[in-house]
Amino acid sequence: MCKVFSLSYGRLLSHAHPKSIDSNKFETSLYTHSNGIGADLISTGWNNSNSEAMQLVCAFLDKNLAPFMGDLTKLFGGSCALMVECEFNEETTMHAIQLEANQNLRKMLSDGLIYAISYANSGLKSSMNNFEYLRRDMFITRIGSEILQQGKKARGFQLAKESVKKVINELMAKANLEICVHGSSSVFDKVNTELNKMWKTIGKNKNAAVQSRKIAALNISPRKHVFKIIHRANHCVESIAIPSIMSPDYGKYRLLASLMTQVYLYPEIVAKRKALETAASTEPEGVFFFFTHFDNGTEESFKVFDSAIASVCSGKFTDEDLLRAKTSEFRVIDAPKNPVESGHAFFSTGVGEEQHNQMRKAILEGTKEDLVKIANECLKKHQKSLTIYASNEIKDEKKLVSAGWNVIDLVQQVNNPNIFTKF
């Protein structure tokens, strides 16, 4: 459960402050000198490992360097004793939760595909739990609803504050704290000086009472869920585990996804059945998935996915199809990249130029025999994770239930305190 809290309340870290500091002054200073502090869980090891870390992200102008670093020092060190004892400005914290809850409701009505993909993928690998949005957004939406009804007495609000304290303790108990700064080279020396000041302050106030606490992992099991919400159409996702981006073969899976989209999925699902979008794709953590966007069918979509797998396993595509898929992939991987984003990705995941070149080589040298082989080895044999993000008037609901699908009405779940026991 702590992992869900970590994902849900990352943005609330800016509202936590030491008891010895005036909350209004601290928040005013923090938001005057920066855009606040956000937090998330990330995966730091993708070679079939479960290595995880908490990452804090913030931005500030060169002119605000010194005062912002002073705010960080107050938050992580100094008189706050590593934030073991902290308080919250209750009014601003409740407002932040309600604002987040309202934004989540709008996203759940408009971005169903994102939720369906992340939920299906999270059933395959523990690292994908960090990118599973439905649990996080539904949870904070329920807390926001509770606050509207009960105010400061809301159990969820009290739980939120306690959970952020736990997250802070986890951050401060870690011995392998790393800092990465992307910015102007002209102020690097000043940044280094301010960082050294903060390190010394944190070191002086190390609190032996803070114990490292392992974050409990969510259960990993393939999904077979239908989530109903007020929506205009269905989003269907089928996910299968494959090697991660660290594998020399990862580029071949990307090539295979591009080929299957062009040869099998688009002609059947978009051209014939008039869905808005469909594709096969991959995630660097090691997931291959199919999806349909604004699709009027459900069971039919999964039949198309299975048919596409069977066809590619039998080699039913031409050399021209393969060349077209390679051209499509090179347009993506050779596109200019933002150096800041590339640096952040390398710092967060260890994926850099070496993996990019390895992937590019696999795509360039990939043959028909290679694609048939990996399709038979992974797509045909491995267990699938399935998710439908559906209209609340889904036509074949009874048929899906009889076929073993778990059907959950998300609108009813907003006020359900046991929401996580259901999926």
Protein backbone atom coordinates (compact mmCIF):
# COMPACT_ATOMS: atom_id res chain seq x y z
CA MET A 1 0.00 0.00 0.00
CA CYS A 2 2.91 2.36 0.65
CA LYS A 3 3.82 2.23 -3.02
CA VAL A 4 0.35 3.47 -3.96
CA PHE A 5 0.69 6.29 -1.46
CA SER A 6 4.09 7.18 -2.87
CA LEU A 7 2.62 7.46 -6.34
CA SER A 8 -0.48 9.29 -5.17
CA TYR A 9 1.03 11.92 -2.93
CA GLY A 10 4.28 12.87 -4.59
CA ARG A 11 2.96 16.35 -5.31
CA LEU A 12 2.04 16.84 -1.66
CA LEU A 13 5.66 16.78 -0.49
CA SER A 14 5.77 20.52 -1.05
CA HIS A 15 3.13 20.93 1.66
CA ALA A 16 5.16 19.10 4.31
CA HIS A 17 7.33 21.24 6.54
CA PRO A 18 9.27 20.90 9.82
CA LYS A 19 7.39 21.83 12.99
CA SER A 20 9.98 24.49 13.71
CA ILE A 21 9.20 26.38 10.48
CA ASP A 22 6.19 28.56 9.76
CA SER A 23 4.21 26.70 7.07
CA ASN A 24 2.97 29.77 5.21
CA LYS A 25 6.42 31.33 5.02
CA PHE A 26 8.01 28.06 3.94
CA GLU A 27 5.48 27.37 1.15
CA THR A 28 5.60 30.97 -0.04
CA SER A 29 9.39 30.79 -0.26
CA LEU A 30 9.39 27.41 -1.99
CA TYR A 31 6.92 28.43 -4.68
CA THR A 32 8.53 31.86 -5.10
CA HIS A 33 11.91 30.31 -5.87
CA SER A 34 10.82 27.16 -7.77
CA ASN A 35 7.90 25.25 -9.28
CA GLY A 36 7.59 23.15 -6.13
CA ILE A 37 8.77 19.60 -5.60
CA GLY A 38 7.23 16.55 -7.24
CA ALA A 39 8.05 12.92 -6.48
CA ASP A 40 7.58 9.53 -8.08
CA LEU A 41 8.83 5.98 -7.87
CA ILE A 42 11.13 4.89 -10.68
CA SER A 43 12.77 1.64 -11.74
CA THR A 44 16.55 1.77 -11.74
CA GLY A 45 17.30 -1.76 -12.89
CA TRP A 46 15.67 -3.36 -15.91
CA ASN A 47 17.70 -6.55 -16.22
CA ASN A 48 14.94 -8.59 -14.59
CA SER A 49 15.62 -6.83 -11.28
CA ASN A 50 13.24 -5.02 -8.95
CA SER A 51 15.52 -2.12 -8.10
CA GLU A 52 13.51 1.00 -7.28
CA ALA A 53 14.10 4.54 -6.10
CA MET A 54 12.18 7.64 -5.14
CA GLN A 55 12.92 10.55 -7.45
CA LEU A 56 12.32 14.22 -6.61
CA VAL A 57 12.02 16.67 -9.49
CA CYS A 58 11.98 20.47 -9.38
CA ALA A 59 12.95 23.46 -11.50
CA PHE A 60 14.28 26.91 -10.66
CA LEU A 61 15.85 29.94 -12.34
CA ASP A 62 19.56 30.73 -12.07
CA LYS A 63 18.82 33.84 -10.03
CA ASN A 64 16.92 31.75 -7.46
CA LEU A 65 19.69 29.21 -6.93
CA ALA A 66 20.79 30.27 -3.44
CA PRO A 67 17.31 30.79 -1.89
CA PHE A 68 15.99 27.57 -3.43
CA MET A 69 18.90 25.53 -2.09
CA GLY A 70 18.19 27.15 1.25
CA ASP A 71 14.61 25.85 1.05
CA LEU A 72 15.89 22.35 0.23
CA THR A 73 18.25 22.50 3.18
CA LYS A 74 15.36 23.42 5.48
CA LEU A 75 13.28 20.58 4.07
CA PHE A 76 15.93 17.83 4.14
CA GLY A 77 18.29 18.96 6.88
CA GLY A 78 18.99 21.85 9.16
CA SER A 79 16.62 22.26 12.07
CA CYS A 80 14.07 19.76 10.74
CA ALA A 81 16.01 16.68 11.94
CA LEU A 82 15.47 14.92 8.62
CA MET A 83 11.75 15.65 8.69
CA VAL A 84 10.96 12.87 11.15
CA GLU A 85 8.54 15.30 12.73
CA CYS A 86 6.66 17.37 10.18
CA GLU A 87 3.40 19.24 9.83
CA PHE A 88 1.08 20.24 7.00
CA ASN A 89 -0.79 23.38 6.15
CA GLU A 90 -4.16 21.67 6.25
CA GLU A 91 -6.05 24.17 4.09
CA THR A 92 -3.57 24.13 1.21
CA THR A 93 -3.07 20.36 1.48
CA MET A 94 -6.82 19.69 1.25
CA HIS A 95 -7.06 22.09 -1.67
CA ALA A 96 -4.21 20.30 -3.44
CA ILE A 97 -5.88 16.89 -3.00
CA GLN A 98 -9.23 18.18 -4.26
CA LEU A 99 -7.59 19.82 -7.25
CA GLU A 100 -5.75 16.60 -8.06
CA ALA A 101 -8.98 14.59 -7.66
CA ASN A 102 -10.86 16.86 -10.08
CA GLN A 103 -8.06 16.63 -12.63
CA ASN A 104 -8.03 12.84 -12.30
CA LEU A 105 -11.76 12.60 -12.97
CA ARG A 106 -11.35 14.61 -16.17
CA LYS A 107 -8.43 12.40 -17.23
CA MET A 108 -10.37 9.21 -16.57
CA LEU A 109 -13.14 10.46 -18.82
CA SER A 110 -10.84 11.50 -21.66
CA ASP A 111 -7.63 9.41 -21.44
CA GLY A 112 -8.95 5.88 -21.07
CA LEU A 113 -6.29 4.39 -23.30
CA ILE A 114 -3.46 5.46 -20.96
CA TYR A 115 -5.15 3.77 -18.02
CA ALA A 116 -5.91 0.58 -19.94
CA ILE A 117 -2.32 0.22 -21.20
CA SER A 118 -0.69 0.92 -17.83
CA TYR A 119 -3.01 -1.47 -16.00
CA ALA A 120 -2.50 -4.35 -18.42
CA ASN A 121 1.29 -3.83 -18.46
CA SER A 122 1.54 -3.68 -14.66
CA GLY A 123 0.30 -7.26 -14.44
CA LEU A 124 3.48 -8.57 -16.06
CA LYS A 125 6.52 -6.99 -14.37
CA SER A 126 7.07 -5.40 -10.98
CA SER A 127 8.86 -2.43 -12.54
CA MET A 128 5.68 -1.55 -14.45
CA ASN A 129 3.80 -1.04 -11.17
CA ASN A 130 5.54 2.32 -10.93
CA PHE A 131 3.74 3.43 -14.09
CA GLU A 132 0.28 2.07 -13.25
CA TYR A 133 -1.99 5.11 -13.22
CA LEU A 134 -5.45 3.74 -12.52
CA ARG A 135 -4.86 2.72 -8.88
CA ARG A 136 -3.10 5.99 -8.13
CA ASP A 137 -5.66 8.28 -9.73
CA MET A 138 -8.70 6.37 -8.47
CA PHE A 139 -7.29 6.38 -4.95
CA ILE A 140 -6.67 10.11 -4.76
CA THR A 141 -10.04 10.74 -6.45
CA ARG A 142 -11.75 8.81 -3.65
CA ILE A 143 -9.81 10.78 -1.03
CA GLY A 144 -10.85 14.04 -2.71
CA SER A 145 -14.49 12.95 -2.64
CA GLU A 146 -14.16 12.07 1.05
CA ILE A 147 -12.67 15.48 1.86
CA LEU A 148 -15.54 17.26 0.10
CA GLN A 149 -17.98 15.42 2.37
CA GLN A 150 -16.09 15.39 5.68
CA GLY A 151 -13.41 18.10 5.46
CA LYS A 152 -10.44 17.78 7.84
CA LYS A 153 -12.09 14.82 9.59
CA ALA A 154 -11.85 12.67 6.46
CA ARG A 155 -9.99 9.44 7.19
CA GLY A 156 -8.31 9.65 3.78
CA PHE A 157 -6.93 13.10 4.56
CA GLN A 158 -5.34 11.93 7.80
CA LEU A 159 -4.00 8.86 6.00
CA ALA A 160 -2.50 11.08 3.31
CA LYS A 161 -0.53 13.11 5.82
CA GLU A 162 0.80 10.05 7.63
CA SER A 163 1.79 8.45 4.33
CA VAL A 164 3.77 11.47 3.17
CA LYS A 165 5.66 11.39 6.47
CA LYS A 166 6.56 7.75 5.80
CA VAL A 167 7.74 8.62 2.31
CA ILE A 168 9.93 11.40 3.71
CA ASN A 169 11.44 9.03 6.26
CA GLU A 170 12.16 6.55 3.48
CA LEU A 171 13.89 9.24 1.44
CA MET A 172 16.04 10.36 4.32
CA ALA A 173 16.92 6.83 5.50
CA LYS A 174 18.54 5.91 2.19
CA ALA A 175 22.32 6.06 2.13
CA ASN A 176 22.68 6.20 -1.65
CA LEU A 177 21.24 9.67 -2.26
CA GLU A 178 22.17 11.06 -5.69
CA ILE A 179 21.60 14.50 -7.17
CA CYS A 180 21.56 15.35 -10.87
CA VAL A 181 21.30 18.93 -12.14
CA HIS A 182 20.54 19.94 -15.73
CA GLY A 183 21.07 23.58 -16.48
CA SER A 184 23.37 26.39 -17.46
CA SER A 185 27.08 25.56 -17.41
CA SER A 186 27.80 29.19 -16.44
CA VAL A 187 26.40 28.64 -12.94
CA PHE A 188 27.76 25.13 -12.37
CA ASP A 189 30.32 26.27 -9.79
CA LYS A 190 27.62 28.08 -7.83
CA VAL A 191 25.36 25.01 -7.97
CA ASN A 192 28.21 22.82 -6.71
CA THR A 193 28.93 25.21 -3.85
CA GLU A 194 25.29 25.27 -2.73
CA LEU A 195 25.02 21.48 -2.98
CA ASN A 196 28.09 21.03 -0.79
CA LYS A 197 26.53 23.30 1.82
CA MET A 198 23.39 21.19 1.84
CA TRP A 199 25.35 17.92 2.07
CA LYS A 200 27.23 19.20 5.13
CA THR A 201 24.02 20.35 6.82
CA ILE A 202 22.25 17.04 6.22
CA GLY A 203 25.29 15.13 7.48
CA LYS A 204 25.36 17.08 10.75
CA ASN A 205 21.70 16.30 11.45
CA LYS A 206 21.69 12.62 10.63
CA ASN A 207 19.04 11.00 12.79
CA ALA A 208 19.85 7.47 13.95
CA ALA A 209 16.18 6.87 14.81
CA VAL A 210 15.19 6.83 11.16
CA GLN A 211 15.17 3.23 9.98
CA SER A 212 15.22 2.14 6.35
CA ARG A 213 11.87 0.63 5.42
CA LYS A 214 11.38 -1.59 2.40
CA ILE A 215 8.49 -0.54 0.18
CA ALA A 216 6.12 -3.46 -0.26
CA ALA A 217 5.61 -4.50 -3.88
CA LEU A 218 2.18 -4.84 -5.41
CA ASN A 219 1.12 -8.32 -6.44
CA ILE A 220 2.16 -9.31 -9.96
CA SER A 221 -0.48 -11.27 -11.82
CA PRO A 222 -1.78 -11.04 -15.40
CA ARG A 223 -4.91 -8.92 -15.68
CA LYS A 224 -8.31 -9.79 -17.08
CA HIS A 225 -10.36 -6.78 -16.14
CA VAL A 226 -13.07 -4.56 -17.59
CA PHE A 227 -13.35 -1.06 -16.12
CA LYS A 228 -16.65 0.67 -16.83
CA ILE A 229 -16.91 4.46 -16.83
CA ILE A 230 -18.98 7.14 -18.53
CA HIS A 231 -17.21 6.90 -21.84
CA ARG A 232 -18.06 7.02 -25.53
CA ALA A 233 -16.29 3.85 -26.66
CA ASN A 234 -13.95 1.05 -25.63
CA HIS A 235 -10.17 0.77 -25.28
CA CYS A 236 -8.81 -2.78 -25.47
CA VAL A 237 -5.25 -3.77 -24.47
CA GLU A 238 -3.38 -7.07 -24.59
CA SER A 239 0.12 -7.20 -23.05
CA ILE A 240 2.86 -9.84 -23.19
CA ALA A 241 6.21 -9.91 -21.36
CA ILE A 242 9.38 -9.65 -23.49
CA PRO A 243 13.08 -8.84 -22.78
CA SER A 244 13.79 -5.27 -21.63
CA ILE A 245 15.61 -2.56 -23.54
CA MET A 246 18.85 -3.86 -22.04
CA SER A 247 18.55 -6.98 -24.24
CA PRO A 248 20.24 -7.04 -27.68
CA ASP A 249 16.94 -8.32 -29.12
CA TYR A 250 14.75 -5.46 -27.87
CA GLY A 251 15.04 -3.59 -31.19
CA LYS A 252 13.65 -6.64 -33.01
CA TYR A 253 10.52 -6.50 -30.89
CA ARG A 254 10.08 -2.82 -31.78
CA LEU A 255 10.47 -3.75 -35.44
CA LEU A 256 7.94 -6.55 -35.04
CA ALA A 257 5.44 -4.17 -33.40
CA SER A 258 5.73 -1.71 -36.29
CA LEU A 259 5.27 -4.48 -38.86
CA MET A 260 2.22 -5.96 -37.11
CA THR A 261 0.59 -2.53 -36.87
CA GLN A 262 0.93 -1.85 -40.59
CA VAL A 263 0.27 -5.33 -41.98
CA TYR A 264 -2.34 -6.82 -39.64
CA LEU A 265 -3.91 -4.40 -37.16
CA TYR A 266 -4.60 -1.20 -39.11
CA PRO A 267 -6.29 -2.90 -42.10
CA GLU A 268 -8.60 -4.94 -39.85
CA ILE A 269 -9.42 -2.61 -36.98
CA VAL A 270 -9.23 0.92 -38.42
CA ALA A 271 -9.91 0.42 -42.14
CA LYS A 272 -12.65 -2.21 -41.75
CA ARG A 273 -14.14 -1.62 -38.30
CA LYS A 274 -13.64 2.15 -38.15
CA ALA A 275 -11.87 2.33 -34.77
CA LEU A 276 -10.03 5.61 -34.22
CA GLU A 277 -6.61 4.00 -33.71
CA THR A 278 -4.83 0.70 -33.21
CA ALA A 279 -1.21 -0.39 -32.91
CA ALA A 280 1.29 -2.81 -31.46
CA SER A 281 4.03 -1.23 -29.35
CA THR A 282 6.68 -1.93 -26.71
CA GLU A 283 7.73 -0.53 -23.34
CA PRO A 284 11.47 -0.43 -22.47
CA GLU A 285 10.83 -2.28 -19.19
CA GLY A 286 10.02 -5.31 -21.32
CA VAL A 287 6.38 -5.37 -22.41
CA PHE A 288 4.90 -5.92 -25.88
CA PHE A 289 1.29 -4.76 -26.18
CA PHE A 290 -1.58 -4.29 -28.62
CA PHE A 291 -4.28 -1.66 -28.22
CA THR A 292 -7.38 -0.24 -29.86
CA HIS A 293 -8.59 3.32 -29.28
CA PHE A 294 -12.29 4.25 -29.47
CA ASP A 295 -13.29 0.81 -30.67
CA ASN A 296 -16.95 -0.26 -30.80
CA GLY A 297 -16.05 -3.91 -30.25
CA THR A 298 -14.27 -5.79 -27.49
CA GLU A 299 -14.06 -9.52 -28.11
CA GLU A 300 -13.48 -8.90 -31.82
CA SER A 301 -10.40 -6.80 -31.07
CA PHE A 302 -8.70 -9.58 -29.13
CA LYS A 303 -9.48 -12.01 -31.95
CA VAL A 304 -7.64 -9.67 -34.34
CA PHE A 305 -4.66 -9.53 -31.95
CA ASP A 306 -4.52 -13.33 -31.76
CA SER A 307 -4.87 -13.64 -35.53
CA ALA A 308 -2.01 -11.18 -36.03
CA ILE A 309 0.23 -13.23 -33.72
CA ALA A 310 -0.64 -16.44 -35.57
CA SER A 311 0.07 -14.81 -38.95
CA VAL A 312 3.46 -13.41 -38.02
CA CYS A 313 4.45 -16.72 -36.38
CA SER A 314 3.75 -18.35 -39.73
CA GLY A 315 5.78 -15.75 -41.61
CA LYS A 316 2.83 -14.31 -43.53
CA PHE A 317 4.48 -11.02 -44.47
CA THR A 318 6.78 -9.88 -47.27
CA ASP A 319 10.25 -8.37 -47.45
CA GLU A 320 8.58 -5.15 -48.56
CA ASP A 321 6.49 -5.16 -45.37
CA LEU A 322 9.69 -5.58 -43.34
CA LEU A 323 11.44 -2.70 -45.14
CA ARG A 324 8.45 -0.41 -44.58
CA ALA A 325 8.47 -1.28 -40.86
CA LYS A 326 12.20 -0.48 -40.61
CA THR A 327 11.69 2.88 -42.31
CA SER A 328 8.90 3.70 -39.88
CA GLU A 329 11.05 2.84 -36.86
CA PHE A 330 14.06 4.85 -38.02
CA ARG A 331 11.89 7.93 -38.37
CA VAL A 332 11.20 7.62 -34.65
CA ILE A 333 14.53 6.54 -33.15
CA ASP A 334 16.64 8.90 -35.31
CA ALA A 335 14.52 11.96 -34.62
CA PRO A 336 16.34 14.80 -32.76
CA LYS A 337 16.17 14.41 -28.98
CA ASN A 338 16.07 16.96 -26.20
CA PRO A 339 19.46 16.62 -24.41
CA VAL A 340 17.89 17.43 -21.03
CA GLU A 341 15.34 14.64 -21.43
CA SER A 342 18.06 12.25 -22.58
CA GLY A 343 20.22 13.13 -19.59
CA HIS A 344 17.30 12.72 -17.21
CA ALA A 345 16.45 9.32 -18.70
CA PHE A 346 20.04 8.12 -18.35
CA PHE A 347 20.23 9.32 -14.74
CA SER A 348 16.88 7.71 -13.87
CA THR A 349 17.18 4.39 -15.69
CA GLY A 350 20.73 3.86 -16.92
CA VAL A 351 19.44 3.72 -20.50
CA GLY A 352 21.66 5.85 -22.73
CA GLU A 353 23.50 6.00 -26.01
CA GLU A 354 24.79 2.43 -25.74
CA GLN A 355 21.26 0.99 -25.54
CA HIS A 356 20.06 3.30 -28.30
CA ASN A 357 22.81 2.13 -30.67
CA GLN A 358 22.19 -1.50 -29.73
CA MET A 359 18.49 -1.09 -30.50
CA ARG A 360 19.20 0.69 -33.78
CA LYS A 361 21.53 -2.11 -34.90
CA ALA A 362 18.92 -4.78 -34.08
CA ILE A 363 16.31 -2.95 -36.16
CA LEU A 364 18.71 -2.41 -39.07
CA GLU A 365 19.88 -6.03 -39.16
CA GLY A 366 16.55 -7.66 -38.30
CA THR A 367 15.44 -10.33 -40.79
CA LYS A 368 12.17 -12.09 -41.48
CA GLU A 369 13.54 -15.19 -39.78
CA ASP A 370 14.40 -13.13 -36.67
CA LEU A 371 10.85 -11.78 -36.35
CA VAL A 372 9.24 -15.19 -36.87
CA LYS A 373 11.56 -16.64 -34.21
CA ILE A 374 10.88 -14.06 -31.48
CA ALA A 375 7.15 -14.11 -32.23
CA ASN A 376 7.05 -17.86 -31.67
CA GLU A 377 9.28 -17.67 -28.59
CA CYS A 378 7.45 -14.86 -26.76
CA LEU A 379 4.18 -13.70 -28.30
CA LYS A 380 2.80 -17.17 -28.93
CA LYS A 381 3.83 -18.90 -25.70
CA HIS A 382 3.81 -16.31 -22.92
CA GLN A 383 0.83 -15.53 -20.70
CA LYS A 384 -1.20 -12.45 -21.63
CA SER A 385 -2.52 -9.59 -19.52
CA LEU A 386 -5.84 -8.16 -20.76
CA THR A 387 -7.69 -4.93 -19.94
CA ILE A 388 -10.76 -3.20 -21.36
CA TYR A 389 -11.53 0.40 -20.44
CA ALA A 390 -15.14 0.45 -21.52
CA SER A 391 -18.34 2.38 -21.98
CA ASN A 392 -20.71 1.93 -19.04
CA GLU A 393 -23.17 0.54 -21.58
CA ILE A 394 -20.85 -2.18 -22.84
CA LYS A 395 -22.96 -4.53 -24.97
CA ASP A 396 -21.48 -7.94 -24.24
CA GLU A 397 -20.89 -7.59 -20.47
CA LYS A 398 -22.61 -10.86 -19.54
CA LYS A 399 -20.58 -12.71 -22.14
CA LEU A 400 -17.36 -11.25 -20.77
CA VAL A 401 -18.25 -12.22 -17.20
CA SER A 402 -18.99 -15.79 -18.26
CA ALA A 403 -15.59 -15.84 -20.00
CA GLY A 404 -13.81 -15.05 -16.74
CA TRP A 405 -13.47 -11.26 -16.96
CA ASN A 406 -13.68 -9.14 -13.77
CA VAL A 407 -16.05 -6.24 -14.47
CA ILE A 408 -15.68 -3.16 -12.23
CA ASP A 409 -17.78 0.02 -12.33
CA LEU A 410 -15.27 2.81 -11.67
CA VAL A 411 -17.94 5.44 -10.97
CA GLN A 412 -19.29 3.37 -8.07
CA GLN A 413 -15.76 2.70 -6.80
CA VAL A 414 -14.90 6.37 -6.20
CA ASN A 415 -16.54 6.25 -2.75
CA ASN A 416 -15.60 2.65 -1.98
CA PRO A 417 -13.03 2.50 0.87
CA ASN A 418 -12.05 -1.05 -0.15
CA ILE A 419 -11.30 -0.15 -3.74
CA PHE A 420 -7.89 -1.87 -3.82
CA THR A 421 -9.22 -5.20 -2.66
CA LYS A 422 -11.29 -5.43 -5.83
CA PHE A 423 -8.50 -5.13 -8.40
